[in-house]
C-alpha cells in the first residue's frame, strides 16, 4: 500500500485499527492497549517501512506461546491483504512499566508511541 498521501494514511490507520481489534478479540480481557511507534508514529515512514505495534497485556510473556500460531496467521493475513508489514510485539504491561526507566527501547515506545486501541 503506497503511503504517500493523506488518503492512504487514513486507509492505513483503518487497517491498523482493524488489526488491533482482531488482536483485542483474541486476547479478550487480557488486552490492555496497543501503541504504534517507530517511523509510522513519527511520520517518517516510507513504502518500505514496517508498522511497529506494541501490544500490552496482562498475560505473562510465556503465556503467548499457545497463541503464536493464531497471532501469526492474523498478522500474515493483514500483511498480504493490505500489502503492509505489521510488526507486533507483545509485552506484559507490568514488566514494561517496571523496565521503562532502564530500557531505551521501552522509552522510545513511551516517547513516540500513539495509542490505537
C-alpha atoms as a PDB file:
ATOM      1  CA  UNK A   1       0.000   0.000   0.000  1.00  0.00           C
ATOM      2  CA  UNK A   2       1.535   3.305  -1.030  1.00  0.00           C
ATOM      3  CA  UNK A   3       1.613   5.725   1.882  1.00  0.00           C
ATOM      4  CA  UNK A   4       2.425   8.928   0.054  1.00  0.00           C
ATOM      5  CA  UNK A   5      -0.725  10.958   0.721  1.00  0.00           C
ATOM      6  CA  UNK A   6      -3.353  11.720   3.351  1.00  0.00           C
ATOM      7  CA  UNK A   7      -5.948   9.376   1.855  1.00  0.00           C
ATOM      8  CA  UNK A   8      -3.503   6.485   2.013  1.00  0.00           C
ATOM      9  CA  UNK A   9      -2.542   7.358   5.586  1.00  0.00           C
ATOM     10  CA  UNK A  10      -6.222   7.363   6.524  1.00  0.00           C
ATOM     11  CA  UNK A  11      -6.613   3.960   4.875  1.00  0.00           C
ATOM     12  CA  UNK A  12      -3.532   2.662   6.720  1.00  0.00           C
ATOM     13  CA  UNK A  13      -4.923   3.947  10.022  1.00  0.00           C
ATOM     14  CA  UNK A  14      -8.087   1.956   9.299  1.00  0.00           C
ATOM     15  CA  UNK A  15      -6.028  -1.181   8.634  1.00  0.00           C
ATOM     16  CA  UNK A  16      -4.114  -0.705  11.891  1.00  0.00           C
ATOM     17  CA  UNK A  17      -7.311  -0.207  13.901  1.00  0.00           C
ATOM     18  CA  UNK A  18      -8.955  -3.273  12.328  1.00  0.00           C
ATOM     19  CA  UNK A  19      -5.863  -5.381  13.077  1.00  0.00           C
ATOM     20  CA  UNK A  20      -5.782  -4.195  16.686  1.00  0.00           C
ATOM     21  CA  UNK A  21      -9.487  -5.036  17.057  1.00  0.00           C
ATOM     22  CA  UNK A  22      -8.778  -8.609  15.912  1.00  0.00           C
ATOM     23  CA  UNK A  23      -5.928  -8.911  18.403  1.00  0.00           C
ATOM     24  CA  UNK A  24      -8.166  -7.440  21.104  1.00  0.00           C
ATOM     25  CA  UNK A  25     -10.819 -10.098  20.386  1.00  0.00           C
ATOM     26  CA  UNK A  26      -8.174 -12.820  20.525  1.00  0.00           C
ATOM     27  CA  UNK A  27      -6.768 -11.665  23.868  1.00  0.00           C
ATOM     28  CA  UNK A  28     -10.098 -10.749  25.442  1.00  0.00           C
ATOM     29  CA  UNK A  29      -9.870  -9.274  28.924  1.00  0.00           C
ATOM     30  CA  UNK A  30      -6.065  -9.671  28.877  1.00  0.00           C
ATOM     31  CA  UNK A  31      -5.738  -6.879  26.291  1.00  0.00           C
ATOM     32  CA  UNK A  32      -4.631  -3.575  27.875  1.00  0.00           C
ATOM     33  CA  UNK A  33      -3.711  -1.309  24.945  1.00  0.00           C
ATOM     34  CA  UNK A  34      -1.909  -1.154  21.611  1.00  0.00           C
ATOM     35  CA  UNK A  35       0.598   1.532  20.680  1.00  0.00           C
ATOM     36  CA  UNK A  36       2.015   2.319  17.242  1.00  0.00           C
ATOM     37  CA  UNK A  37       5.611   3.525  17.463  1.00  0.00           C
ATOM     38  CA  UNK A  38       8.615   3.884  15.176  1.00  0.00           C
ATOM     39  CA  UNK A  39       8.719   5.565  11.784  1.00  0.00           C
ATOM     40  CA  UNK A  40       4.956   5.419  11.225  1.00  0.00           C
ATOM     41  CA  UNK A  41       4.213   7.135  14.552  1.00  0.00           C
ATOM     42  CA  UNK A  42       6.885   9.755  13.842  1.00  0.00           C
ATOM     43  CA  UNK A  43       5.517  10.412  10.345  1.00  0.00           C
ATOM     44  CA  UNK A  44       8.812   9.275   8.782  1.00  0.00           C
ATOM     45  CA  UNK A  45       7.563   6.096   7.131  1.00  0.00           C
ATOM     46  CA  UNK A  46       8.104   5.112   3.514  1.00  0.00           C
ATOM     47  CA  UNK A  47       6.524   2.444   1.317  1.00  0.00           C
ATOM     48  CA  UNK A  48       9.235   0.081   2.594  1.00  0.00           C
ATOM     49  CA  UNK A  49       8.614   0.768   6.301  1.00  0.00           C
ATOM     50  CA  UNK A  50       7.027  -1.676   8.665  1.00  0.00           C
ATOM     51  CA  UNK A  51       4.361  -0.625  11.149  1.00  0.00           C
ATOM     52  CA  UNK A  52       5.598  -1.260  14.691  1.00  0.00           C
ATOM     53  CA  UNK A  53       2.803  -2.085  17.130  1.00  0.00           C
ATOM     54  CA  UNK A  54       3.371  -2.751  20.833  1.00  0.00           C
ATOM     55  CA  UNK A  55       0.509  -4.763  22.319  1.00  0.00           C
ATOM     56  CA  UNK A  56       0.342  -4.556  26.107  1.00  0.00           C
ATOM     57  CA  UNK A  57      -1.441  -7.272  28.013  1.00  0.00           C
ATOM     58  CA  UNK A  58      -1.922  -8.639  31.485  1.00  0.00           C
ATOM     59  CA  UNK A  59      -0.564 -12.010  30.292  1.00  0.00           C
ATOM     60  CA  UNK A  60       2.959 -13.090  31.069  1.00  0.00           C
ATOM     61  CA  UNK A  61       5.198 -13.345  28.021  1.00  0.00           C
ATOM     62  CA  UNK A  62       5.448 -17.127  28.404  1.00  0.00           C
ATOM     63  CA  UNK A  63       1.654 -17.391  28.098  1.00  0.00           C
ATOM     64  CA  UNK A  64       1.772 -16.257  24.456  1.00  0.00           C
ATOM     65  CA  UNK A  65       3.257 -19.500  23.181  1.00  0.00           C
ATOM     66  CA  UNK A  66      -0.202 -21.001  22.790  1.00  0.00           C
ATOM     67  CA  UNK A  67      -1.318 -18.003  20.709  1.00  0.00           C
ATOM     68  CA  UNK A  68       1.701 -17.615  18.429  1.00  0.00           C
ATOM     69  CA  UNK A  69       0.150 -19.541  15.540  1.00  0.00           C
ATOM     70  CA  UNK A  70      -3.101 -17.562  15.645  1.00  0.00           C
ATOM     71  CA  UNK A  71      -1.309 -14.206  16.038  1.00  0.00           C
ATOM     72  CA  UNK A  72       0.988 -15.091  13.128  1.00  0.00           C
ATOM     73  CA  UNK A  73      -1.990 -16.109  10.994  1.00  0.00           C
ATOM     74  CA  UNK A  74      -3.864 -12.852  11.653  1.00  0.00           C
ATOM     75  CA  UNK A  75      -0.735 -10.772  11.039  1.00  0.00           C
ATOM     76  CA  UNK A  76       0.092 -12.637   7.816  1.00  0.00           C
ATOM     77  CA  UNK A  77      -3.453 -12.171   6.506  1.00  0.00           C
ATOM     78  CA  UNK A  78      -3.288  -8.410   7.062  1.00  0.00           C
ATOM     79  CA  UNK A  79       0.200  -8.137   5.601  1.00  0.00           C
ATOM     80  CA  UNK A  80      -0.833  -9.926   2.405  1.00  0.00           C
ATOM     81  CA  UNK A  81      -4.305  -8.426   2.028  1.00  0.00           C
ATOM     82  CA  UNK A  82      -3.179  -4.827   2.511  1.00  0.00           C
ATOM     83  CA  UNK A  83       0.415  -5.078   1.236  1.00  0.00           C
ATOM     84  CA  UNK A  84       1.845  -3.826   4.530  1.00  0.00           C
ATOM     85  CA  UNK A  85       4.286  -5.145   7.093  1.00  0.00           C
ATOM     86  CA  UNK A  86       2.667  -5.114  10.522  1.00  0.00           C
ATOM     87  CA  UNK A  87       5.269  -5.895  13.185  1.00  0.00           C
ATOM     88  CA  UNK A  88       3.550  -6.560  16.506  1.00  0.00           C
ATOM     89  CA  UNK A  89       5.436  -7.048  19.756  1.00  0.00           C
ATOM     90  CA  UNK A  90       3.531  -8.403  22.751  1.00  0.00           C
ATOM     91  CA  UNK A  91       4.526  -7.282  26.213  1.00  0.00           C
ATOM     92  CA  UNK A  92       3.256  -7.747  29.730  1.00  0.00           C
ATOM     93  CA  UNK A  93       2.306  -4.258  30.908  1.00  0.00           C
ATOM     94  CA  UNK A  94       3.730  -4.728  34.427  1.00  0.00           C
ATOM     95  CA  UNK A  95       7.122  -5.821  33.061  1.00  0.00           C
ATOM     96  CA  UNK A  96       7.097  -2.903  30.628  1.00  0.00           C
ATOM     97  CA  UNK A  97       6.369  -0.356  33.356  1.00  0.00           C
ATOM     98  CA  UNK A  98       8.985  -1.906  35.646  1.00  0.00           C
ATOM     99  CA  UNK A  99      11.715  -1.716  32.975  1.00  0.00           C
ATOM    100  CA  UNK A 100      10.674   1.571  31.340  1.00  0.00           C
ATOM    101  CA  UNK A 101      13.268   3.645  33.177  1.00  0.00           C
ATOM    102  CA  UNK A 102      16.199   1.437  32.102  1.00  0.00           C
ATOM    103  CA  UNK A 103      15.451   0.172  28.589  1.00  0.00           C
ATOM    104  CA  UNK A 104      15.846   2.668  25.724  1.00  0.00           C
ATOM    105  CA  UNK A 105      13.569   0.527  23.520  1.00  0.00           C
ATOM    106  CA  UNK A 106      10.707   0.923  26.004  1.00  0.00           C
ATOM    107  CA  UNK A 107      11.499   4.616  26.386  1.00  0.00           C
ATOM    108  CA  UNK A 108      11.139   5.139  22.633  1.00  0.00           C
ATOM    109  CA  UNK A 109       7.722   3.445  22.711  1.00  0.00           C
ATOM    110  CA  UNK A 110       6.727   5.746  25.567  1.00  0.00           C
ATOM    111  CA  UNK A 111       8.123   8.864  23.892  1.00  0.00           C
ATOM    112  CA  UNK A 112       6.878   8.459  20.323  1.00  0.00           C
ATOM    113  CA  UNK A 113       4.039   5.984  20.643  1.00  0.00           C
ATOM    114  CA  UNK A 114       0.450   6.652  19.631  1.00  0.00           C
ATOM    115  CA  UNK A 115      -2.247   4.601  21.377  1.00  0.00           C
ATOM    116  CA  UNK A 116      -4.543   2.955  18.826  1.00  0.00           C
ATOM    117  CA  UNK A 117      -6.609   0.638  20.950  1.00  0.00           C
END
